[in-house]
Amino acid sequence: MKPVISSIEIENRVIVAKYQRLMVGAKVVLVEKASDRQLPETTTRVASRVPVGALRIRLPDAIKPGTYFLRAFNGHGEDAARSADFEIG
């Protein structure tokens, strides 16, 4: 079964992303859709051994309005999952 980032909620410049089947050590990063540029200051890792959960990513003030998505990489650095596009306003 393929890992999934199933939902995104944004409130007070904090992204809450629910995931399924991401393993401990997986890295999740915010990506600007227009440039496909990863924003390393938003990188977080899955710390839970349970493969279902939620991540919180605080958005730095430097993040500008636009269309973004989350990309997850497994412990080997390979693409694991991608969220749907969402807007940061």
C-alpha atoms as a PDB file:
ATOM      1  CA  MET A   1       0.000   0.000   0.000  1.00  0.00           C
ATOM      2  CA  LYS A   2       1.277   3.427  -0.930  1.00  0.00           C
ATOM      3  CA  PRO A   3       1.713   6.159   1.716  1.00  0.00           C
ATOM      4  CA  VAL A   4      -0.840   8.989   1.602  1.00  0.00           C
ATOM      5  CA  ILE A   5      -1.054  12.561   2.859  1.00  0.00           C
ATOM      6  CA  SER A   6      -4.803  12.625   3.162  1.00  0.00           C
ATOM      7  CA  SER A   7      -5.836  16.063   4.412  1.00  0.00           C
ATOM      8  CA  ILE A   8      -4.429  19.532   4.989  1.00  0.00           C
ATOM      9  CA  GLU A   9      -5.727  22.171   7.389  1.00  0.00           C
ATOM     10  CA  ILE A  10      -4.155  25.596   7.907  1.00  0.00           C
ATOM     11  CA  GLU A  11      -4.880  27.764  10.921  1.00  0.00           C
ATOM     12  CA  ASN A  12      -2.780  30.582  12.421  1.00  0.00           C
ATOM     13  CA  ARG A  13       0.106  29.802  10.025  1.00  0.00           C
ATOM     14  CA  VAL A  14       0.289  26.177  11.162  1.00  0.00           C
ATOM     15  CA  ILE A  15      -0.276  23.335   8.696  1.00  0.00           C
ATOM     16  CA  VAL A  16      -1.795  20.151  10.104  1.00  0.00           C
ATOM     17  CA  ALA A  17      -1.405  17.264   7.681  1.00  0.00           C
ATOM     18  CA  LYS A  18      -2.947  13.850   8.291  1.00  0.00           C
ATOM     19  CA  TYR A  19      -1.077  10.896   6.849  1.00  0.00           C
ATOM     20  CA  GLN A  20      -1.387   7.145   6.439  1.00  0.00           C
ATOM     21  CA  ARG A  21       1.350   4.556   5.955  1.00  0.00           C
ATOM     22  CA  LEU A  22       4.297   6.960   6.421  1.00  0.00           C
ATOM     23  CA  MET A  23       6.974   5.184   8.405  1.00  0.00           C
ATOM     24  CA  VAL A  24       9.066   6.564  11.259  1.00  0.00           C
ATOM     25  CA  GLY A  25      11.896   8.703   9.861  1.00  0.00           C
ATOM     26  CA  ALA A  26       9.977   9.825   6.772  1.00  0.00           C
ATOM     27  CA  LYS A  27      10.620  13.485   5.914  1.00  0.00           C
ATOM     28  CA  VAL A  28       7.818  15.870   4.904  1.00  0.00           C
ATOM     29  CA  VAL A  29       8.560  19.241   3.296  1.00  0.00           C
ATOM     30  CA  LEU A  30       6.481  22.122   1.925  1.00  0.00           C
ATOM     31  CA  VAL A  31       6.932  22.678  -1.830  1.00  0.00           C
ATOM     32  CA  GLU A  32       6.039  25.813  -3.796  1.00  0.00           C
ATOM     33  CA  LYS A  33       4.047  24.550  -6.777  1.00  0.00           C
ATOM     34  CA  ALA A  34       5.022  27.272  -9.293  1.00  0.00           C
ATOM     35  CA  SER A  35       8.767  26.622  -8.958  1.00  0.00           C
ATOM     36  CA  ASP A  36       8.698  23.055  -7.535  1.00  0.00           C
ATOM     37  CA  ARG A  37      11.110  24.433  -4.915  1.00  0.00           C
ATOM     38  CA  GLN A  38      11.303  22.648  -1.571  1.00  0.00           C
ATOM     39  CA  LEU A  39      11.304  25.000   1.407  1.00  0.00           C
ATOM     40  CA  PRO A  40      13.806  23.377   3.798  1.00  0.00           C
ATOM     41  CA  GLU A  41      12.833  25.585   6.749  1.00  0.00           C
ATOM     42  CA  THR A  42       9.497  23.702   6.806  1.00  0.00           C
ATOM     43  CA  THR A  43      10.958  20.175   6.908  1.00  0.00           C
ATOM     44  CA  THR A  44       9.648  17.845   9.588  1.00  0.00           C
ATOM     45  CA  ARG A  45      10.101  14.146  10.267  1.00  0.00           C
ATOM     46  CA  VAL A  46       7.631  11.461  11.248  1.00  0.00           C
ATOM     47  CA  ALA A  47       8.560  10.503  14.809  1.00  0.00           C
ATOM     48  CA  SER A  48       5.727   8.091  15.587  1.00  0.00           C
ATOM     49  CA  ARG A  49       6.161   4.371  15.032  1.00  0.00           C
ATOM     50  CA  VAL A  50       2.441   4.213  14.250  1.00  0.00           C
ATOM     51  CA  PRO A  51       1.980   4.608  10.448  1.00  0.00           C
ATOM     52  CA  VAL A  52      -1.160   6.770  10.844  1.00  0.00           C
ATOM     53  CA  GLY A  53      -1.117  10.227  12.374  1.00  0.00           C
ATOM     54  CA  ALA A  54      -0.765  13.950  11.851  1.00  0.00           C
ATOM     55  CA  LEU A  55       2.124  16.370  11.423  1.00  0.00           C
ATOM     56  CA  ARG A  56       2.254  20.035  12.388  1.00  0.00           C
ATOM     57  CA  ILE A  57       4.369  22.467  10.370  1.00  0.00           C
ATOM     58  CA  ARG A  58       4.674  26.072  11.523  1.00  0.00           C
ATOM     59  CA  LEU A  59       4.975  28.440   8.562  1.00  0.00           C
ATOM     60  CA  PRO A  60       7.810  30.969   8.804  1.00  0.00           C
ATOM     61  CA  ASP A  61       6.887  34.594   8.069  1.00  0.00           C
ATOM     62  CA  ALA A  62       8.978  34.402   4.875  1.00  0.00           C
ATOM     63  CA  ILE A  63       6.462  32.013   3.236  1.00  0.00           C
ATOM     64  CA  LYS A  64       4.573  34.076   0.670  1.00  0.00           C
ATOM     65  CA  PRO A  65       0.970  33.580  -0.498  1.00  0.00           C
ATOM     66  CA  GLY A  66       0.596  31.022  -3.273  1.00  0.00           C
ATOM     67  CA  THR A  67      -0.132  27.421  -4.164  1.00  0.00           C
ATOM     68  CA  TYR A  68       1.809  24.748  -2.311  1.00  0.00           C
ATOM     69  CA  PHE A  69       1.806  21.018  -1.619  1.00  0.00           C
ATOM     70  CA  LEU A  70       3.532  18.666   0.804  1.00  0.00           C
ATOM     71  CA  ARG A  71       5.967  16.042  -0.406  1.00  0.00           C
ATOM     72  CA  ALA A  72       7.042  13.089   1.734  1.00  0.00           C
ATOM     73  CA  PHE A  73      10.260  11.121   1.368  1.00  0.00           C
ATOM     74  CA  ASN A  74      10.926   7.725   2.909  1.00  0.00           C
ATOM     75  CA  GLY A  75      13.973   6.988   5.071  1.00  0.00           C
ATOM     76  CA  HIS A  76      16.031   6.358   1.922  1.00  0.00           C
ATOM     77  CA  GLY A  77      15.229   9.795   0.427  1.00  0.00           C
ATOM     78  CA  GLU A  78      12.856   8.405  -2.214  1.00  0.00           C
ATOM     79  CA  ASP A  79       9.493  10.026  -3.026  1.00  0.00           C
ATOM     80  CA  ALA A  80       6.821   8.426  -0.850  1.00  0.00           C
ATOM     81  CA  ALA A  81       3.710  10.640  -1.054  1.00  0.00           C
ATOM     82  CA  ARG A  82       2.372  13.991  -2.249  1.00  0.00           C
ATOM     83  CA  SER A  83      -0.555  15.974  -0.915  1.00  0.00           C
ATOM     84  CA  ALA A  84      -3.186  17.747  -2.943  1.00  0.00           C
ATOM     85  CA  ASP A  85      -2.405  21.368  -3.810  1.00  0.00           C
ATOM     86  CA  PHE A  86      -3.539  24.012  -1.304  1.00  0.00           C
ATOM     87  CA  GLU A  87      -3.433  27.777  -0.993  1.00  0.00           C
ATOM     88  CA  ILE A  88      -1.575  29.814   1.566  1.00  0.00           C
ATOM     89  CA  GLY A  89      -3.037  33.287   1.671  1.00  0.00           C
END
